[in-house]
Structure formats: C-alpha cells, structure tokens
Amino acid sequence: MRLRKTMVAAAALLAAGAAGAEEVHVYNWSDYIDEALLAKFEEETGIKLIYDVFDSNEILETKMLAGASGYDVVVPSGSFLQRQVQAGAFQKLDKSKLPNLANMWDVIQERTAKYDPGNEYSINYMWGTTGIGINVGKVKEVLGEDAPVNSLALLFDPANMEKLATCGVHVLDAPTEIIPAALKYIGEDPDAQDIETIAKVEPVLTAIAPHVLKFHSSEYINALANGDICMAFGWSGDILQARDRAAEANNGAEIEYHIPKEGALMWFDQMAIPADAPNPDAAHKFLNFIMDAQNAAAASNYVYYANGNKASQEFLNEDVIGDTAIYPDAETTANLYTTSPWDPKVNRDVTRLWTKIKSGT
C-alpha cells in the first residue's frame, strides 16, 4: 500500500468540454488502479473524476486532520483510518446508496471491523502483506544459494545488508510497517503500544540504515523491475507489479515476493468519505462502482493485490487468485498479524525515532 499521473489522460479527454459538470475528487495511492476503470466510471455516470495520488499514509493523514482537503473519497490504511475516524475526519456511509455492499467478503469485513467497527465508515479496496522482494540472481550472487530470502533476517541482519548494499536495497518510508516487522524479528509483539518496547528496535534499525540506498514508498517498484536494486522491503502487490514489468521488459531480472516465515503485517486499504466532502452523493456512486464485482476484479487483475470483494473472485485472473503471494493459504494467513494505531504521544516519539534512524543522527 503505488506512481501514476495525477490525472488520467483518457479520463481528461472524456471530461473535456464538460464545463460545469458534476465532479468527484478521489485521492488514492499511486500505482493502484486500472486507469481504464476511471474512464469507465465517467462514461457510466457522467461525473467528472479528478484523481490524485499519494504514496504514504502520513501525507494523507496530514491532509485529513487539517480538514478541508477538498476530496470526496480517500484511501487510508486500517490503523490510520481508525485514528482518523476517532478524530471525526469521516462521515458514516449511507448504505442505502451502496447496493453492491452485498458483494463484500465477510472474512475481510471481520478483520477490518477492528479499525472500523461495523464497517460504518469505510469499504475495503485492497488488502495485502508487507514483505520481501528480491532480484533472485543478484541476491544469490552476493549471499549465495542459501540466502534467507523468506526470512526477516534478510533485512534485519546487518551482515546480510552489508552485502546486499552492493547491489542496492530500498525500504518503505513507513514506520508503521517497518517498526512492527523489526519487533517481530526480535521476538517482541509487533503491535506493541508502549514506547519502551518500540524503542528496542532502534539498535536493529540503526545498524541496517547505512546499507539502505533509499527509504521510499513507491520508487522501489521501477527500481526492482529495472534491475537497479536487488532487494526491497515493501507491499506485496508493488513487488508483484515489479515482477511483471521485468518480465514484460525481458531484461533478465527475475523478481520474487516472499512473505517472511516469521510472520508479516496484513494491511487493509479502506475507501472512506471525508466529513466535509464537497460531493458525498458522487462519492457513494464511486464506492458502489468500485464494489461492482467485475470492476473490483479488474482493479485486482491490474495491480496484483487481493481485494475484499467476494463476488469479484470468479472474475479474477488465475495468476491473481491462484497466487499464494496475493491470496495466501490458510497456514500463512494464520501467521499474519495486524496492528493498531499508536496514541498521539507514542506516535510523536515514533516519528522522532524514525527520523533519527533514517538520518543517522
């Protein structure tokens, strides 16, 4: 939980000349939708779609908590959504305007209810895991055939990272993702809420930070696909997109995604309507459009993420629904963890800690 242009060319052409037309403003993650769906929405509804992108929850949260974002639909991850709901940033959904809610998957709704009780404020767009992406040839060249490619040790053991630095490593610029993973690696609760426990990751992360080429939450897709780096710790679908881009380019880069054997974060990206959305009626139309079974499948088939739409599964490509990196088997799923938002004081302490780790000062 992705970099597309902020306005899709096809959608712009369709909207041209529609001065004064009804508009809906959507703010979503980069690299996170089939652009053809945006044009389809405009064609079917006559509503002009203004589509902007971001690549971190922190950027979105700053806009949401400041208010007057100007957006009708935004897509926070679960733990951020929970905090923003508590702050009054969203309006409850009018479920009478969302007949396609019947398509949603109860298994995922039960999990997202942790962040949004009763799923009153949001619908699941996509879900996935955070794990390890590798360029198989390059990683084995520097670490050998027995490289621990399915273990958090690949990232958090400085001896491995020192060698991987010779071929390039990118890591998500996302403390809510990396700190829980580091806690898991050292045997602590990845959902720890006290700063004393969280601070235990500082020596672990400080030891590997000098070997990280870049902390960034979207550039690793192309970097991995192009062979510019050999490892990324990132979101499942992003790494699978990199895999397919490399295959399409036929550039010799064999990319794999691995869910760490120690366990991985299971995250949920939720579509929600800001409390001060300029056009909540159009926002509901957009959410209902996304929950159409074939539309949800088209989105997943394009971005290689699992979605929370049960009815979409019959329309998913086999390389999506049949890939356990996207839809994990029961044993792997049982080993996935979720996290809760830190309280404001802990969050401030974590922000300072993360800045210190990245800067090395």
Protein backbone atom coordinates (compact mmCIF):
# COMPACT_ATOMS: atom_id res chain seq x y z
CA MET A 1 0.00 0.00 0.00
CA ARG A 2 1.79 2.52 -5.95
CA LEU A 3 3.29 6.27 -9.22
CA ARG A 4 0.62 7.22 -11.67
CA LYS A 5 -0.08 10.60 -13.18
CA THR A 6 -2.46 12.60 -11.06
CA MET A 7 -4.99 12.80 -13.83
CA VAL A 8 -5.60 10.02 -16.29
CA ALA A 9 -5.30 11.17 -19.87
CA ALA A 10 -8.26 9.13 -21.06
CA ALA A 11 -10.46 10.49 -18.29
CA ALA A 12 -9.33 14.03 -19.03
CA LEU A 13 -10.31 13.65 -22.68
CA LEU A 14 -13.72 12.31 -21.75
CA ALA A 15 -14.27 15.18 -19.37
CA ALA A 16 -13.09 17.85 -21.81
CA GLY A 17 -15.78 20.30 -22.68
CA ALA A 18 -17.92 19.23 -19.75
CA ALA A 19 -17.64 22.64 -18.10
CA GLY A 20 -19.76 22.80 -15.00
CA ALA A 21 -20.21 19.02 -14.92
CA GLU A 22 -20.61 17.29 -11.59
CA GLU A 23 -17.23 16.32 -10.12
CA VAL A 24 -15.88 13.76 -7.68
CA HIS A 25 -12.40 14.15 -6.24
CA VAL A 26 -10.57 10.92 -5.34
CA TYR A 27 -7.23 10.68 -3.50
CA ASN A 28 -5.68 7.22 -3.75
CA TRP A 29 -2.31 5.52 -3.53
CA SER A 30 -0.03 5.75 -6.56
CA ASP A 31 0.15 2.77 -8.96
CA TYR A 32 -3.09 1.48 -7.52
CA ILE A 33 -5.86 1.24 -10.11
CA ASP A 34 -6.50 0.23 -13.69
CA GLU A 35 -6.81 3.61 -15.40
CA ALA A 36 -9.47 2.19 -17.72
CA LEU A 37 -11.77 1.96 -14.70
CA LEU A 38 -11.55 5.71 -14.18
CA ALA A 39 -12.67 6.38 -17.73
CA LYS A 40 -15.41 3.74 -17.35
CA PHE A 41 -16.75 5.49 -14.24
CA GLU A 42 -17.04 8.77 -16.13
CA GLU A 43 -18.73 7.10 -19.07
CA GLU A 44 -21.28 5.31 -16.89
CA THR A 45 -22.11 8.17 -14.54
CA GLY A 46 -21.37 11.38 -16.43
CA ILE A 47 -19.44 12.57 -13.37
CA LYS A 48 -16.07 14.17 -13.97
CA LEU A 49 -13.39 12.32 -11.99
CA ILE A 50 -10.44 14.23 -10.56
CA TYR A 51 -7.93 11.61 -9.45
CA ASP A 52 -4.84 12.47 -7.38
CA VAL A 53 -2.27 10.19 -5.79
CA PHE A 54 -0.08 9.94 -2.69
CA ASP A 55 2.47 7.39 -1.51
CA SER A 56 2.34 7.49 2.29
CA ASN A 57 -0.32 7.35 4.97
CA GLU A 58 1.41 10.23 6.72
CA ILE A 59 0.82 12.55 3.75
CA LEU A 60 -2.85 11.61 3.65
CA GLU A 61 -3.27 11.94 7.41
CA THR A 62 -1.84 15.45 7.43
CA LYS A 63 -4.50 16.50 4.90
CA MET A 64 -7.32 14.70 6.69
CA LEU A 65 -6.61 16.06 10.16
CA ALA A 66 -6.14 19.58 8.82
CA GLY A 67 -9.63 19.43 7.30
CA ALA A 68 -10.98 20.96 4.09
CA SER A 69 -8.98 18.52 1.95
CA GLY A 70 -11.36 19.03 -0.97
CA TYR A 71 -11.58 15.27 -1.55
CA ASP A 72 -14.73 13.15 -1.74
CA VAL A 73 -13.03 9.75 -1.42
CA VAL A 74 -9.71 8.95 0.24
CA VAL A 75 -7.96 5.64 0.91
CA PRO A 76 -6.22 5.36 4.31
CA SER A 77 -4.84 2.10 5.64
CA GLY A 78 -6.74 0.48 8.50
CA SER A 79 -4.86 1.74 11.55
CA PHE A 80 -4.76 5.30 10.17
CA LEU A 81 -8.45 5.11 9.34
CA GLN A 82 -9.19 4.14 12.95
CA ARG A 83 -7.40 7.17 14.33
CA GLN A 84 -8.99 9.48 11.75
CA VAL A 85 -12.50 8.17 12.47
CA GLN A 86 -11.93 8.89 16.15
CA ALA A 87 -10.89 12.43 15.20
CA GLY A 88 -14.15 12.95 13.29
CA ALA A 89 -12.48 13.09 9.89
CA PHE A 90 -15.03 10.86 8.11
CA GLN A 91 -18.77 10.61 7.67
CA LYS A 92 -20.75 7.42 8.10
CA LEU A 93 -21.62 5.66 4.87
CA ASP A 94 -25.21 5.80 3.66
CA LYS A 95 -25.52 2.09 2.99
CA SER A 96 -28.85 2.58 1.20
CA LYS A 97 -26.79 4.11 -1.61
CA LEU A 98 -24.40 1.15 -1.74
CA PRO A 99 -26.30 -1.90 -3.06
CA ASN A 100 -23.01 -3.53 -4.07
CA LEU A 101 -22.11 -3.95 -0.39
CA ALA A 102 -23.71 -7.36 -0.88
CA ASN A 103 -20.60 -8.32 -2.88
CA MET A 104 -18.18 -7.79 0.00
CA TRP A 105 -16.30 -10.64 1.69
CA ASP A 106 -17.27 -11.37 5.29
CA VAL A 107 -13.82 -12.78 6.09
CA ILE A 108 -12.20 -9.43 5.31
CA GLN A 109 -15.01 -7.38 6.84
CA GLU A 110 -14.49 -9.21 10.13
CA ARG A 111 -10.84 -8.10 10.09
CA THR A 112 -11.45 -4.53 9.01
CA ALA A 113 -14.03 -4.17 11.78
CA LYS A 114 -11.05 -3.94 14.13
CA TYR A 115 -10.38 -0.50 12.67
CA ASP A 116 -13.93 0.45 11.70
CA PRO A 117 -16.48 -1.27 13.98
CA GLY A 118 -19.44 -2.38 11.93
CA ASN A 119 -17.64 -1.12 8.82
CA GLU A 120 -19.71 2.03 9.25
CA TYR A 121 -17.24 4.46 7.69
CA SER A 122 -15.38 2.53 5.01
CA ILE A 123 -15.22 -0.25 2.47
CA ASN A 124 -12.19 -2.40 1.77
CA TYR A 125 -10.48 -1.58 -1.51
CA MET A 126 -7.43 -3.83 -1.35
CA TRP A 127 -5.52 -5.80 1.23
CA GLY A 128 -2.16 -7.46 1.25
CA THR A 129 1.03 -8.13 3.14
CA THR A 130 4.32 -6.35 3.65
CA GLY A 131 7.34 -8.46 2.83
CA ILE A 132 10.45 -9.12 0.79
CA GLY A 133 11.01 -8.50 -2.88
CA ILE A 134 14.20 -9.80 -4.44
CA ASN A 135 16.07 -9.95 -7.70
CA VAL A 136 16.80 -13.66 -7.46
CA GLY A 137 20.04 -13.70 -9.43
CA LYS A 138 21.59 -10.68 -7.77
CA VAL A 139 20.69 -11.70 -4.21
CA LYS A 140 22.09 -15.19 -4.67
CA GLU A 141 25.19 -13.74 -6.29
CA VAL A 142 26.04 -11.74 -3.17
CA LEU A 143 24.62 -14.03 -0.47
CA GLY A 144 24.86 -17.47 -2.04
CA GLU A 145 22.29 -20.11 -2.90
CA ASP A 146 21.18 -20.43 0.73
CA ALA A 147 20.27 -16.74 1.11
CA PRO A 148 17.41 -16.40 3.65
CA VAL A 149 15.04 -14.90 1.12
CA ASN A 150 11.92 -15.86 3.09
CA SER A 151 13.15 -14.50 6.43
CA LEU A 152 13.21 -11.11 8.11
CA ALA A 153 16.90 -11.82 8.67
CA LEU A 154 17.47 -10.84 5.04
CA LEU A 155 16.63 -7.27 6.03
CA PHE A 156 17.46 -7.02 9.72
CA ASP A 157 20.76 -8.93 9.90
CA PRO A 158 23.47 -6.31 9.24
CA ALA A 159 25.80 -8.95 7.82
CA ASN A 160 23.28 -9.65 5.05
CA MET A 161 22.53 -5.99 4.47
CA GLU A 162 26.19 -5.05 4.14
CA LYS A 163 26.46 -7.45 1.20
CA LEU A 164 23.09 -6.52 -0.29
CA ALA A 165 24.11 -2.86 -0.23
CA THR A 166 26.50 -3.63 -3.08
CA CYS A 167 23.52 -4.27 -5.36
CA GLY A 168 21.01 -1.88 -3.76
CA VAL A 169 18.23 -2.03 -1.16
CA HIS A 170 15.08 0.08 -0.86
CA VAL A 171 12.88 0.07 2.25
CA LEU A 172 9.43 1.56 2.76
CA ASP A 173 9.46 5.02 4.29
CA ALA A 174 6.75 3.85 6.67
CA PRO A 175 7.46 3.44 10.39
CA THR A 176 4.05 1.81 10.90
CA GLU A 177 5.24 -1.01 8.63
CA ILE A 178 8.94 -1.32 9.41
CA ILE A 179 8.87 -0.99 13.20
CA PRO A 180 6.32 -3.82 13.68
CA ALA A 181 8.42 -6.02 11.39
CA ALA A 182 11.55 -5.25 13.41
CA LEU A 183 9.65 -6.01 16.63
CA LYS A 184 8.60 -9.35 15.17
CA TYR A 185 12.20 -10.09 14.22
CA ILE A 186 13.47 -9.56 17.78
CA GLY A 187 10.66 -11.59 19.30
CA GLU A 188 8.52 -8.72 20.59
CA ASP A 189 4.84 -8.06 19.96
CA PRO A 190 4.57 -6.32 16.56
CA ASP A 191 1.52 -4.49 17.90
CA ALA A 192 3.39 -3.09 20.92
CA GLN A 193 1.88 0.18 22.11
CA ASP A 194 4.46 1.36 24.66
CA ILE A 195 7.48 3.37 23.61
CA GLU A 196 9.80 1.33 25.86
CA THR A 197 9.15 -1.81 23.80
CA ILE A 198 9.10 0.05 20.50
CA ALA A 199 12.47 1.65 21.29
CA LYS A 200 14.05 -1.81 21.32
CA VAL A 201 14.13 -1.69 17.53
CA GLU A 202 16.42 1.34 17.45
CA PRO A 203 19.72 -0.59 17.52
CA VAL A 204 18.36 -3.07 14.95
CA LEU A 205 17.29 -0.37 12.52
CA THR A 206 20.28 1.88 13.18
CA ALA A 207 22.59 -1.00 12.25
CA ILE A 208 21.00 -1.54 8.84
CA ALA A 209 20.08 2.04 7.89
CA PRO A 210 23.52 2.90 6.42
CA HIS A 211 23.08 -0.01 4.00
CA VAL A 212 19.69 1.19 2.70
CA LEU A 213 20.03 3.02 -0.60
CA LYS A 214 16.66 4.75 -0.19
CA PHE A 215 13.72 4.88 2.17
CA HIS A 216 10.81 5.47 -0.20
CA SER A 217 7.31 4.09 -0.60
CA SER A 218 6.91 3.91 -4.36
CA GLU A 219 10.23 4.20 -6.22
CA TYR A 220 11.19 0.62 -5.43
CA ILE A 221 8.70 -0.72 -7.98
CA ASN A 222 10.59 0.53 -11.02
CA ALA A 223 13.97 0.20 -9.32
CA LEU A 224 13.36 -3.51 -8.74
CA ALA A 225 11.81 -4.05 -12.18
CA ASN A 226 14.70 -2.32 -13.94
CA GLY A 227 17.39 -4.22 -12.04
CA ASP A 228 18.62 -1.05 -10.31
CA ILE A 229 18.28 -2.69 -6.87
CA CYS A 230 18.34 -6.28 -5.73
CA MET A 231 16.04 -6.14 -2.69
CA ALA A 232 13.07 -4.16 -1.48
CA PHE A 233 11.01 -4.43 1.67
CA GLY A 234 7.60 -3.33 0.51
CA TRP A 235 3.99 -4.06 -0.28
CA SER A 236 3.09 -7.37 -1.90
CA GLY A 237 1.31 -6.05 -4.98
CA ASP A 238 4.00 -3.47 -5.70
CA ILE A 239 6.64 -6.16 -5.81
CA LEU A 240 4.46 -8.38 -7.99
CA GLN A 241 3.97 -5.40 -10.35
CA ALA A 242 7.76 -5.09 -10.47
CA ARG A 243 7.98 -8.80 -11.28
CA ASP A 244 5.62 -8.41 -14.23
CA ARG A 245 7.24 -5.24 -15.52
CA ALA A 246 10.60 -7.01 -15.54
CA ALA A 247 9.09 -9.97 -17.38
CA GLU A 248 7.44 -7.68 -19.96
CA ALA A 249 10.73 -5.84 -20.49
CA ASN A 250 12.55 -9.18 -20.84
CA ASN A 251 15.50 -7.58 -19.10
CA GLY A 252 16.73 -10.71 -17.33
CA ALA A 253 15.58 -9.61 -13.87
CA GLU A 254 13.74 -12.43 -12.11
CA ILE A 255 11.72 -10.89 -9.28
CA GLU A 256 10.12 -12.83 -6.43
CA TYR A 257 7.95 -11.83 -3.48
CA HIS A 258 8.24 -13.65 -0.15
CA ILE A 259 6.06 -13.43 2.94
CA PRO A 260 8.54 -13.72 5.84
CA LYS A 261 8.31 -17.04 7.63
CA GLU A 262 8.34 -15.23 10.98
CA GLY A 263 5.07 -13.53 10.04
CA ALA A 264 4.06 -10.43 8.13
CA LEU A 265 1.80 -7.45 8.51
CA MET A 266 -1.63 -7.89 6.95
CA TRP A 267 -2.85 -4.45 5.97
CA PHE A 268 -6.11 -3.10 4.61
CA ASP A 269 -6.62 -0.02 2.44
CA GLN A 270 -10.07 1.39 3.05
CA MET A 271 -12.11 3.79 0.93
CA ALA A 272 -13.83 6.44 3.04
CA ILE A 273 -15.67 9.73 2.60
CA PRO A 274 -14.30 12.80 4.43
CA ALA A 275 -16.73 14.51 6.80
CA ASP A 276 -16.52 17.69 4.70
CA ALA A 277 -16.57 16.01 1.28
CA PRO A 278 -17.83 18.50 -1.34
CA ASN A 279 -19.93 15.85 -3.12
CA PRO A 280 -20.80 12.90 -0.86
CA ASP A 281 -23.51 11.68 -3.24
CA ALA A 282 -20.96 11.26 -6.05
CA ALA A 283 -18.57 9.69 -3.53
CA HIS A 284 -21.16 6.99 -2.79
CA LYS A 285 -21.57 6.40 -6.53
CA PHE A 286 -17.81 5.94 -6.84
CA LEU A 287 -17.69 3.47 -3.93
CA ASN A 288 -20.60 1.50 -5.35
CA PHE A 289 -18.87 1.44 -8.75
CA ILE A 290 -15.69 0.06 -7.18
CA MET A 291 -17.71 -2.64 -5.37
CA ASP A 292 -19.15 -3.95 -8.64
CA ALA A 293 -17.74 -7.48 -8.89
CA GLN A 294 -16.22 -7.08 -12.35
CA ASN A 295 -14.78 -3.65 -11.54
CA ALA A 296 -13.16 -4.91 -8.34
CA ALA A 297 -11.71 -7.85 -10.27
CA ALA A 298 -10.35 -5.53 -12.97
CA ALA A 299 -8.60 -3.47 -10.30
CA SER A 300 -7.01 -6.55 -8.70
CA ASN A 301 -6.04 -8.06 -12.04
CA TYR A 302 -4.19 -4.84 -12.83
CA VAL A 303 -2.45 -4.10 -9.52
CA TYR A 304 -1.90 -7.67 -8.25
CA TYR A 305 -3.43 -7.06 -4.84
CA ALA A 306 -6.18 -9.04 -3.18
CA ASN A 307 -9.47 -7.24 -2.64
CA GLY A 308 -12.24 -7.53 -0.07
CA ASN A 309 -14.90 -8.32 -2.66
CA LYS A 310 -16.02 -11.96 -2.57
CA ALA A 311 -18.16 -11.67 -5.72
CA SER A 312 -15.13 -10.49 -7.71
CA GLN A 313 -13.27 -13.75 -7.28
CA GLU A 314 -14.93 -15.51 -10.21
CA PHE A 315 -13.61 -12.75 -12.47
CA LEU A 316 -10.03 -12.74 -11.17
CA ASN A 317 -7.24 -13.96 -13.43
CA GLU A 318 -5.74 -17.27 -12.35
CA ASP A 319 -2.34 -15.66 -11.81
CA VAL A 320 -4.02 -13.46 -9.19
CA ILE A 321 -6.49 -15.73 -7.37
CA GLY A 322 -4.15 -18.72 -7.70
CA ASP A 323 -1.03 -16.95 -6.41
CA THR A 324 -0.46 -17.56 -2.70
CA ALA A 325 1.65 -14.40 -2.54
CA ILE A 326 -1.59 -12.49 -3.25
CA TYR A 327 -4.23 -14.73 -1.67
CA PRO A 328 -2.20 -16.62 0.98
CA ASP A 329 -3.12 -20.13 2.04
CA ALA A 330 -4.74 -20.74 5.42
CA GLU A 331 -1.47 -21.63 7.18
CA THR A 332 0.27 -18.47 6.01
CA THR A 333 -2.75 -16.30 6.78
CA ALA A 334 -2.84 -17.63 10.34
CA ASN A 335 0.71 -16.30 10.78
CA LEU A 336 -0.13 -12.77 9.62
CA TYR A 337 -0.54 -10.01 12.18
CA THR A 338 -2.38 -6.70 12.28
CA THR A 339 -1.51 -3.53 14.17
CA SER A 340 -3.39 -0.80 15.99
CA PRO A 341 -2.67 2.95 15.84
CA TRP A 342 -0.29 4.37 18.42
CA ASP A 343 -1.66 7.04 20.72
CA PRO A 344 -0.62 10.63 19.88
CA LYS A 345 2.31 10.79 22.33
CA VAL A 346 3.74 7.44 21.22
CA ASN A 347 3.21 8.45 17.60
CA ARG A 348 5.25 11.64 18.13
CA ASP A 349 8.02 9.62 19.79
CA VAL A 350 7.99 7.13 16.92
CA THR A 351 8.19 9.95 14.36
CA ARG A 352 11.29 11.32 16.09
CA LEU A 353 12.79 7.82 16.33
CA TRP A 354 12.16 7.14 12.64
CA THR A 355 13.70 10.47 11.60
CA LYS A 356 16.75 9.72 13.74
CA ILE A 357 17.14 6.24 12.23
CA LYS A 358 16.90 7.49 8.64
CA SER A 359 19.22 10.45 9.15
CA GLY A 360 21.79 8.55 11.22
CA THR A 361 21.99 11.38 13.75
